[in-house]
N, C-alpha and C. Protein backbone atom coordinates (compact mmCIF):
# COMPACT_ATOMS: atom_id res chain seq x y z
N VAL A 1 66.64 56.55 263.55
CA VAL A 1 67.31 55.21 262.95
C VAL A 1 68.48 55.56 262.02
N GLN A 2 69.52 54.83 262.20
CA GLN A 2 70.72 55.08 261.39
C GLN A 2 71.32 53.60 261.09
N LEU A 3 71.67 53.56 259.79
CA LEU A 3 72.24 52.27 259.27
C LEU A 3 73.60 52.64 258.66
N VAL A 4 74.68 51.86 258.97
CA VAL A 4 75.87 52.21 258.48
C VAL A 4 76.49 50.87 257.94
N GLU A 5 76.77 50.82 256.60
CA GLU A 5 77.48 49.56 255.93
C GLU A 5 78.85 49.69 255.98
N SER A 6 79.56 48.60 256.04
CA SER A 6 81.04 48.52 255.94
C SER A 6 81.52 47.18 255.36
N GLY A 7 82.71 47.15 254.93
CA GLY A 7 83.23 45.76 254.37
C GLY A 7 83.30 45.74 252.94
N GLY A 8 82.84 46.72 252.23
CA GLY A 8 83.06 46.68 250.89
C GLY A 8 84.56 46.81 250.37
N GLY A 9 84.74 46.60 249.12
CA GLY A 9 86.13 46.66 248.57
C GLY A 9 86.23 45.94 247.21
N LEU A 10 87.50 45.88 246.74
CA LEU A 10 87.85 45.26 245.57
C LEU A 10 88.22 43.78 245.81
N VAL A 11 87.63 42.88 244.97
CA VAL A 11 87.96 41.43 245.21
C VAL A 11 87.94 40.77 243.84
N GLN A 12 88.79 39.80 243.62
CA GLN A 12 88.94 39.13 242.38
C GLN A 12 87.63 38.05 242.26
N PRO A 13 87.37 37.74 241.05
CA PRO A 13 86.17 36.78 240.80
C PRO A 13 86.51 35.52 241.50
N GLY A 14 85.56 34.98 242.11
CA GLY A 14 85.65 33.75 242.97
C GLY A 14 85.96 34.01 244.38
N GLY A 15 86.25 35.35 244.69
CA GLY A 15 86.62 35.71 246.10
C GLY A 15 85.47 35.87 246.94
N SER A 16 85.74 36.29 248.22
CA SER A 16 84.67 36.45 249.21
C SER A 16 84.82 37.84 249.91
N LEU A 17 83.71 38.37 250.35
CA LEU A 17 83.60 39.59 251.13
C LEU A 17 82.51 39.40 252.19
N THR A 18 82.68 39.98 253.25
CA THR A 18 81.64 40.06 254.21
C THR A 18 81.34 41.52 254.57
N LEU A 19 80.01 41.93 254.18
CA LEU A 19 79.53 43.24 254.57
C LEU A 19 78.75 43.17 255.89
N SER A 20 78.95 44.38 256.62
CA SER A 20 78.33 44.46 257.86
C SER A 20 77.41 45.75 257.95
N CYS A 21 76.28 45.71 258.46
CA CYS A 21 75.27 46.63 258.73
C CYS A 21 75.20 46.90 260.20
N ALA A 22 75.53 48.16 260.61
CA ALA A 22 75.36 48.50 262.08
C ALA A 22 74.30 49.43 262.14
N ALA A 23 73.27 49.00 263.00
CA ALA A 23 72.04 49.80 263.22
C ALA A 23 72.14 50.53 264.52
N SER A 24 71.57 51.73 264.65
CA SER A 24 71.53 52.45 265.76
C SER A 24 70.02 53.15 265.78
N GLY A 25 69.57 53.52 267.00
CA GLY A 25 68.28 54.12 267.00
C GLY A 25 67.13 53.12 267.36
N PHE A 26 67.40 51.87 267.17
CA PHE A 26 66.44 50.82 267.59
C PHE A 26 67.30 49.55 267.93
N SER A 27 66.73 48.65 268.59
CA SER A 27 67.53 47.51 268.94
C SER A 27 66.98 46.15 268.30
N LEU A 28 67.95 45.53 267.56
CA LEU A 28 67.61 44.23 266.91
C LEU A 28 67.26 43.15 267.94
N ASP A 29 67.42 43.36 269.20
CA ASP A 29 67.08 42.45 270.28
C ASP A 29 65.87 42.67 271.08
N SER A 30 65.24 43.84 270.50
CA SER A 30 63.96 44.18 271.22
C SER A 30 62.85 43.15 270.97
N SER A 31 61.80 43.36 271.71
CA SER A 31 60.61 42.52 271.47
C SER A 31 59.85 42.94 270.20
N ASP A 32 60.19 43.97 269.74
CA ASP A 32 59.48 44.45 268.46
C ASP A 32 60.05 43.61 267.28
N TYR A 33 59.29 43.44 266.23
CA TYR A 33 59.69 42.82 265.02
C TYR A 33 60.45 43.83 263.92
N PHE A 34 61.51 43.41 263.53
CA PHE A 34 62.09 44.24 262.46
C PHE A 34 62.66 43.29 261.32
N ALA A 35 62.80 43.84 260.14
CA ALA A 35 63.42 43.06 259.05
C ALA A 35 64.54 43.98 258.51
N ILE A 36 65.75 43.32 258.26
CA ILE A 36 66.80 43.96 257.66
C ILE A 36 67.13 43.53 256.30
N GLY A 37 67.23 44.16 255.34
CA GLY A 37 67.39 43.79 254.03
C GLY A 37 68.71 44.36 253.47
N TRP A 38 69.32 43.49 252.52
CA TRP A 38 70.52 43.86 251.80
C TRP A 38 70.10 44.18 250.28
N PHE A 39 70.40 45.24 249.76
CA PHE A 39 70.12 45.55 248.40
C PHE A 39 71.41 46.01 247.66
N ARG A 40 71.21 46.02 246.33
CA ARG A 40 72.40 46.49 245.58
C ARG A 40 71.91 47.25 244.40
N GLN A 41 72.79 48.11 243.83
CA GLN A 41 72.52 48.90 242.69
C GLN A 41 73.74 49.12 241.87
N ALA A 42 73.68 48.56 240.67
CA ALA A 42 74.77 48.72 239.77
C ALA A 42 74.60 49.98 238.87
N PRO A 43 75.59 50.50 238.31
CA PRO A 43 75.52 51.73 237.47
C PRO A 43 74.49 51.46 236.29
N GLY A 44 73.53 52.39 236.16
CA GLY A 44 72.54 52.20 235.12
C GLY A 44 71.38 51.28 235.27
N LYS A 45 71.40 50.66 236.58
CA LYS A 45 70.40 49.64 236.80
C LYS A 45 69.59 50.10 238.09
N GLU A 46 68.44 49.43 238.23
CA GLU A 46 67.57 49.69 239.34
C GLU A 46 68.11 48.94 240.59
N ARG A 47 67.67 49.55 241.74
CA ARG A 47 68.09 48.81 242.94
C ARG A 47 67.31 47.51 243.02
N GLU A 48 68.07 46.42 243.50
CA GLU A 48 67.44 45.20 243.67
C GLU A 48 67.78 44.56 244.91
N GLY A 49 66.74 43.67 245.39
CA GLY A 49 66.92 43.06 246.64
C GLY A 49 67.99 41.86 246.50
N VAL A 50 68.71 41.69 247.47
CA VAL A 50 69.66 40.62 247.53
C VAL A 50 69.32 39.52 248.69
N SER A 51 69.07 39.99 249.87
CA SER A 51 68.75 39.16 250.89
C SER A 51 68.05 39.94 252.03
N CYS A 52 67.35 39.27 252.88
CA CYS A 52 66.76 39.91 254.07
C CYS A 52 66.55 38.80 255.17
N LEU A 53 66.41 39.34 256.34
CA LEU A 53 66.07 38.45 257.45
C LEU A 53 65.30 39.27 258.47
N THR A 54 64.52 38.50 259.31
CA THR A 54 63.73 39.10 260.31
C THR A 54 64.57 38.98 261.64
N THR A 55 64.51 39.93 262.45
CA THR A 55 65.53 39.98 263.62
C THR A 55 65.22 38.94 264.57
N ARG A 56 64.01 38.36 264.54
CA ARG A 56 63.82 37.18 265.37
C ARG A 56 64.47 35.95 264.80
N GLY A 57 64.86 35.97 263.50
CA GLY A 57 65.58 34.89 262.94
C GLY A 57 64.81 33.85 262.26
N GLU A 58 63.49 34.11 262.32
CA GLU A 58 62.65 33.02 261.77
C GLU A 58 62.56 32.96 260.25
N ILE A 59 62.83 34.06 259.58
CA ILE A 59 62.70 34.23 258.25
C ILE A 59 64.00 34.71 257.60
N LYS A 60 64.48 33.98 256.57
CA LYS A 60 65.59 34.50 255.73
C LYS A 60 65.25 34.19 254.28
N ASP A 61 65.50 35.31 253.45
CA ASP A 61 65.16 35.11 252.04
C ASP A 61 66.40 35.67 251.27
N TYR A 62 66.47 35.08 250.08
CA TYR A 62 67.63 35.43 249.13
C TYR A 62 67.07 35.54 247.70
N SER A 63 67.68 36.44 246.94
CA SER A 63 67.30 36.53 245.51
C SER A 63 67.95 35.22 244.85
N ASP A 64 67.51 35.04 243.62
CA ASP A 64 67.94 33.75 242.86
C ASP A 64 69.41 33.93 242.67
N SER A 65 69.92 35.18 242.49
CA SER A 65 71.34 35.32 242.15
C SER A 65 72.24 35.06 243.48
N ALA A 66 71.64 35.27 244.64
CA ALA A 66 72.32 35.18 245.85
C ALA A 66 72.30 33.73 246.51
N LYS A 67 71.26 33.04 246.13
CA LYS A 67 71.10 31.82 246.75
C LYS A 67 72.29 30.83 246.49
N GLY A 68 72.75 30.16 247.56
CA GLY A 68 73.86 29.24 247.43
C GLY A 68 75.21 29.86 247.48
N ARG A 69 75.24 31.23 247.44
CA ARG A 69 76.57 31.96 247.42
C ARG A 69 76.74 33.01 248.65
N PHE A 70 75.46 33.57 248.93
CA PHE A 70 75.50 34.56 250.06
C PHE A 70 74.87 34.03 251.32
N ILE A 71 75.25 34.57 252.40
CA ILE A 71 74.65 34.12 253.71
C ILE A 71 74.30 35.43 254.59
N ILE A 72 73.10 35.57 254.94
CA ILE A 72 72.74 36.71 255.82
C ILE A 72 72.65 36.15 257.21
N ALA A 73 73.08 36.96 258.23
CA ALA A 73 73.07 36.49 259.58
C ALA A 73 73.02 37.65 260.49
N ARG A 74 72.70 37.48 261.73
CA ARG A 74 72.99 38.52 262.74
C ARG A 74 74.44 38.47 263.07
N GLY A 75 74.95 39.63 263.24
CA GLY A 75 76.50 39.66 263.26
C GLY A 75 76.83 39.42 264.80
N LEU A 76 78.13 39.14 265.11
CA LEU A 76 78.70 38.89 266.31
C LEU A 76 78.62 40.18 267.19
N ALA A 77 78.91 41.23 266.48
CA ALA A 77 78.81 42.56 267.17
C ALA A 77 77.35 42.94 267.44
N ARG A 78 77.02 43.58 268.53
CA ARG A 78 75.68 43.80 268.83
C ARG A 78 75.07 44.77 267.80
N ASN A 79 73.80 44.48 267.44
CA ASN A 79 73.04 45.32 266.57
C ASN A 79 73.66 45.44 265.16
N THR A 80 74.10 44.30 264.67
CA THR A 80 74.63 44.24 263.44
C THR A 80 74.11 43.10 262.66
N VAL A 81 73.99 43.18 261.26
CA VAL A 81 73.64 42.12 260.39
C VAL A 81 74.66 41.98 259.36
N THR A 82 75.09 40.92 259.10
CA THR A 82 76.25 40.62 258.08
C THR A 82 75.70 39.98 256.78
N LEU A 83 76.34 40.16 255.75
CA LEU A 83 76.08 39.54 254.44
C LEU A 83 77.47 38.97 254.05
N GLN A 84 77.53 37.62 254.13
CA GLN A 84 78.83 36.96 253.66
C GLN A 84 78.53 36.60 252.28
N MET A 85 79.44 37.10 251.32
CA MET A 85 79.36 36.76 249.92
C MET A 85 80.50 35.94 249.45
N ASN A 86 80.24 34.77 248.94
CA ASN A 86 81.18 33.93 248.45
C ASN A 86 81.01 33.65 246.77
N GLY A 87 82.15 33.20 246.31
CA GLY A 87 82.06 32.92 244.83
C GLY A 87 81.64 34.23 244.03
N LEU A 88 82.12 35.25 244.31
CA LEU A 88 81.72 36.57 243.75
C LEU A 88 82.02 36.44 242.20
N LEU A 89 81.10 37.18 241.56
CA LEU A 89 81.15 37.31 240.07
C LEU A 89 81.22 38.72 239.74
N THR A 90 81.75 38.99 238.49
CA THR A 90 81.79 40.34 238.18
C THR A 90 80.45 41.09 238.10
N GLU A 91 79.52 40.36 237.89
CA GLU A 91 78.15 41.01 237.83
C GLU A 91 77.62 41.39 239.24
N ASP A 92 78.30 40.84 240.23
CA ASP A 92 77.90 41.29 241.61
C ASP A 92 78.47 42.72 241.90
N THR A 93 79.27 43.30 241.11
CA THR A 93 79.71 44.64 241.23
C THR A 93 78.57 45.67 241.41
N ALA A 94 78.53 46.33 242.57
CA ALA A 94 77.51 47.29 242.85
C ALA A 94 77.72 48.03 244.03
N VAL A 95 76.83 49.02 244.33
CA VAL A 95 76.90 49.68 245.67
C VAL A 95 75.90 48.77 246.45
N TYR A 96 76.25 48.29 247.71
CA TYR A 96 75.42 47.45 248.49
C TYR A 96 74.87 48.21 249.60
N TYR A 97 73.50 48.23 249.83
CA TYR A 97 72.92 49.04 250.89
C TYR A 97 72.21 48.01 251.88
N CYS A 98 72.22 48.51 253.08
CA CYS A 98 71.26 47.78 254.00
C CYS A 98 70.09 48.72 254.32
N ALA A 99 68.96 48.09 254.69
CA ALA A 99 67.77 48.80 255.07
C ALA A 99 67.01 48.16 256.04
N ALA A 100 66.10 48.89 256.80
CA ALA A 100 65.39 48.32 257.87
C ALA A 100 63.90 48.74 257.70
N ARG A 101 63.16 47.88 258.28
CA ARG A 101 61.63 48.15 258.30
C ARG A 101 61.13 47.34 259.57
N ALA A 102 59.98 48.02 260.08
CA ALA A 102 59.25 47.41 261.18
C ALA A 102 58.35 46.29 260.64
N GLY A 103 58.27 45.34 261.31
CA GLY A 103 57.25 44.30 260.84
C GLY A 103 57.87 42.86 260.88
N ARG A 104 57.04 41.89 260.64
CA ARG A 104 57.39 40.54 260.63
C ARG A 104 57.73 40.02 259.28
N LEU A 105 57.53 40.66 258.39
CA LEU A 105 57.74 40.10 256.91
C LEU A 105 59.02 40.58 256.37
N CYS A 106 59.69 39.53 255.55
CA CYS A 106 60.92 39.95 254.92
C CYS A 106 60.50 40.25 253.41
N HIS A 107 61.12 41.26 252.86
CA HIS A 107 60.82 41.69 251.51
C HIS A 107 62.13 41.83 250.72
N LEU A 108 62.10 41.52 249.54
CA LEU A 108 63.26 41.86 248.66
C LEU A 108 62.91 43.09 247.74
N ASP A 109 61.80 43.63 248.01
CA ASP A 109 61.38 44.86 247.23
C ASP A 109 61.77 45.98 247.99
N PRO A 110 62.66 46.89 247.37
CA PRO A 110 63.08 48.04 248.12
C PRO A 110 62.07 49.06 248.60
N SER A 111 60.91 49.00 247.93
CA SER A 111 59.83 50.01 248.29
C SER A 111 59.20 49.67 249.65
N PHE A 112 59.43 48.49 250.22
CA PHE A 112 58.96 48.14 251.53
C PHE A 112 59.81 48.84 252.67
N PHE A 113 61.00 49.33 252.37
CA PHE A 113 61.90 49.69 253.31
C PHE A 113 62.01 51.22 253.40
N GLY A 114 62.06 51.76 254.66
CA GLY A 114 62.02 53.19 254.73
C GLY A 114 63.33 53.83 255.28
N ALA A 115 64.12 52.91 255.98
CA ALA A 115 65.29 53.49 256.46
C ALA A 115 66.58 52.77 255.75
N TRP A 116 67.47 53.57 255.34
CA TRP A 116 68.57 53.23 254.42
C TRP A 116 69.93 53.71 254.96
N GLY A 117 70.92 52.80 254.62
CA GLY A 117 72.25 53.32 254.91
C GLY A 117 72.81 53.97 253.70
N GLN A 118 74.16 54.45 253.77
CA GLN A 118 74.66 55.19 252.69
C GLN A 118 75.28 54.37 251.55
N GLY A 119 75.46 53.04 251.87
CA GLY A 119 75.94 52.12 250.85
C GLY A 119 77.51 51.92 250.94
N THR A 120 77.88 50.79 250.52
CA THR A 120 79.26 50.39 250.47
C THR A 120 79.58 49.82 249.02
N GLN A 121 80.68 50.32 248.40
CA GLN A 121 81.03 49.75 247.09
C GLN A 121 81.65 48.40 247.06
N VAL A 122 81.11 47.51 246.35
CA VAL A 122 81.77 46.19 246.11
C VAL A 122 82.15 46.19 244.58
N THR A 123 83.37 45.85 244.29
CA THR A 123 83.86 45.70 243.04
C THR A 123 84.48 44.38 242.75
N VAL A 124 84.01 43.61 241.86
CA VAL A 124 84.58 42.28 241.59
C VAL A 124 85.32 42.32 240.16
N SER A 125 86.66 42.30 240.24
CA SER A 125 87.32 42.38 239.04
C SER A 125 88.70 41.80 239.10
N SER A 126 89.28 41.35 238.02
CA SER A 126 90.65 40.81 237.95
C SER A 126 91.61 41.71 237.66
């Protein structure tokens, strides 16, 4: 299983970015159940959950800080999951990771996920 994030960068407060997570080693279109989560870790802070979805699309969840601003979805490219981030704030600055787990449940707790990408840096600054 391999996960590769992309799309990070520098953006001004109020701006938008879309992150993408490309998965390999398993298929998001298979009959098996998977959950894909987005997490972030700011310097000196613990890794926290941002959003997750189940690959069948029946469950999507967001942290309180992400609700109303971020949108998680299956990507247009095969085997990808995207995180559209709008109205970015300076406190959204962090390394963003995607993670995968088998199963039907969506979790925002990093301990439930076993496969992780290498992360992509998002910096929100004027």
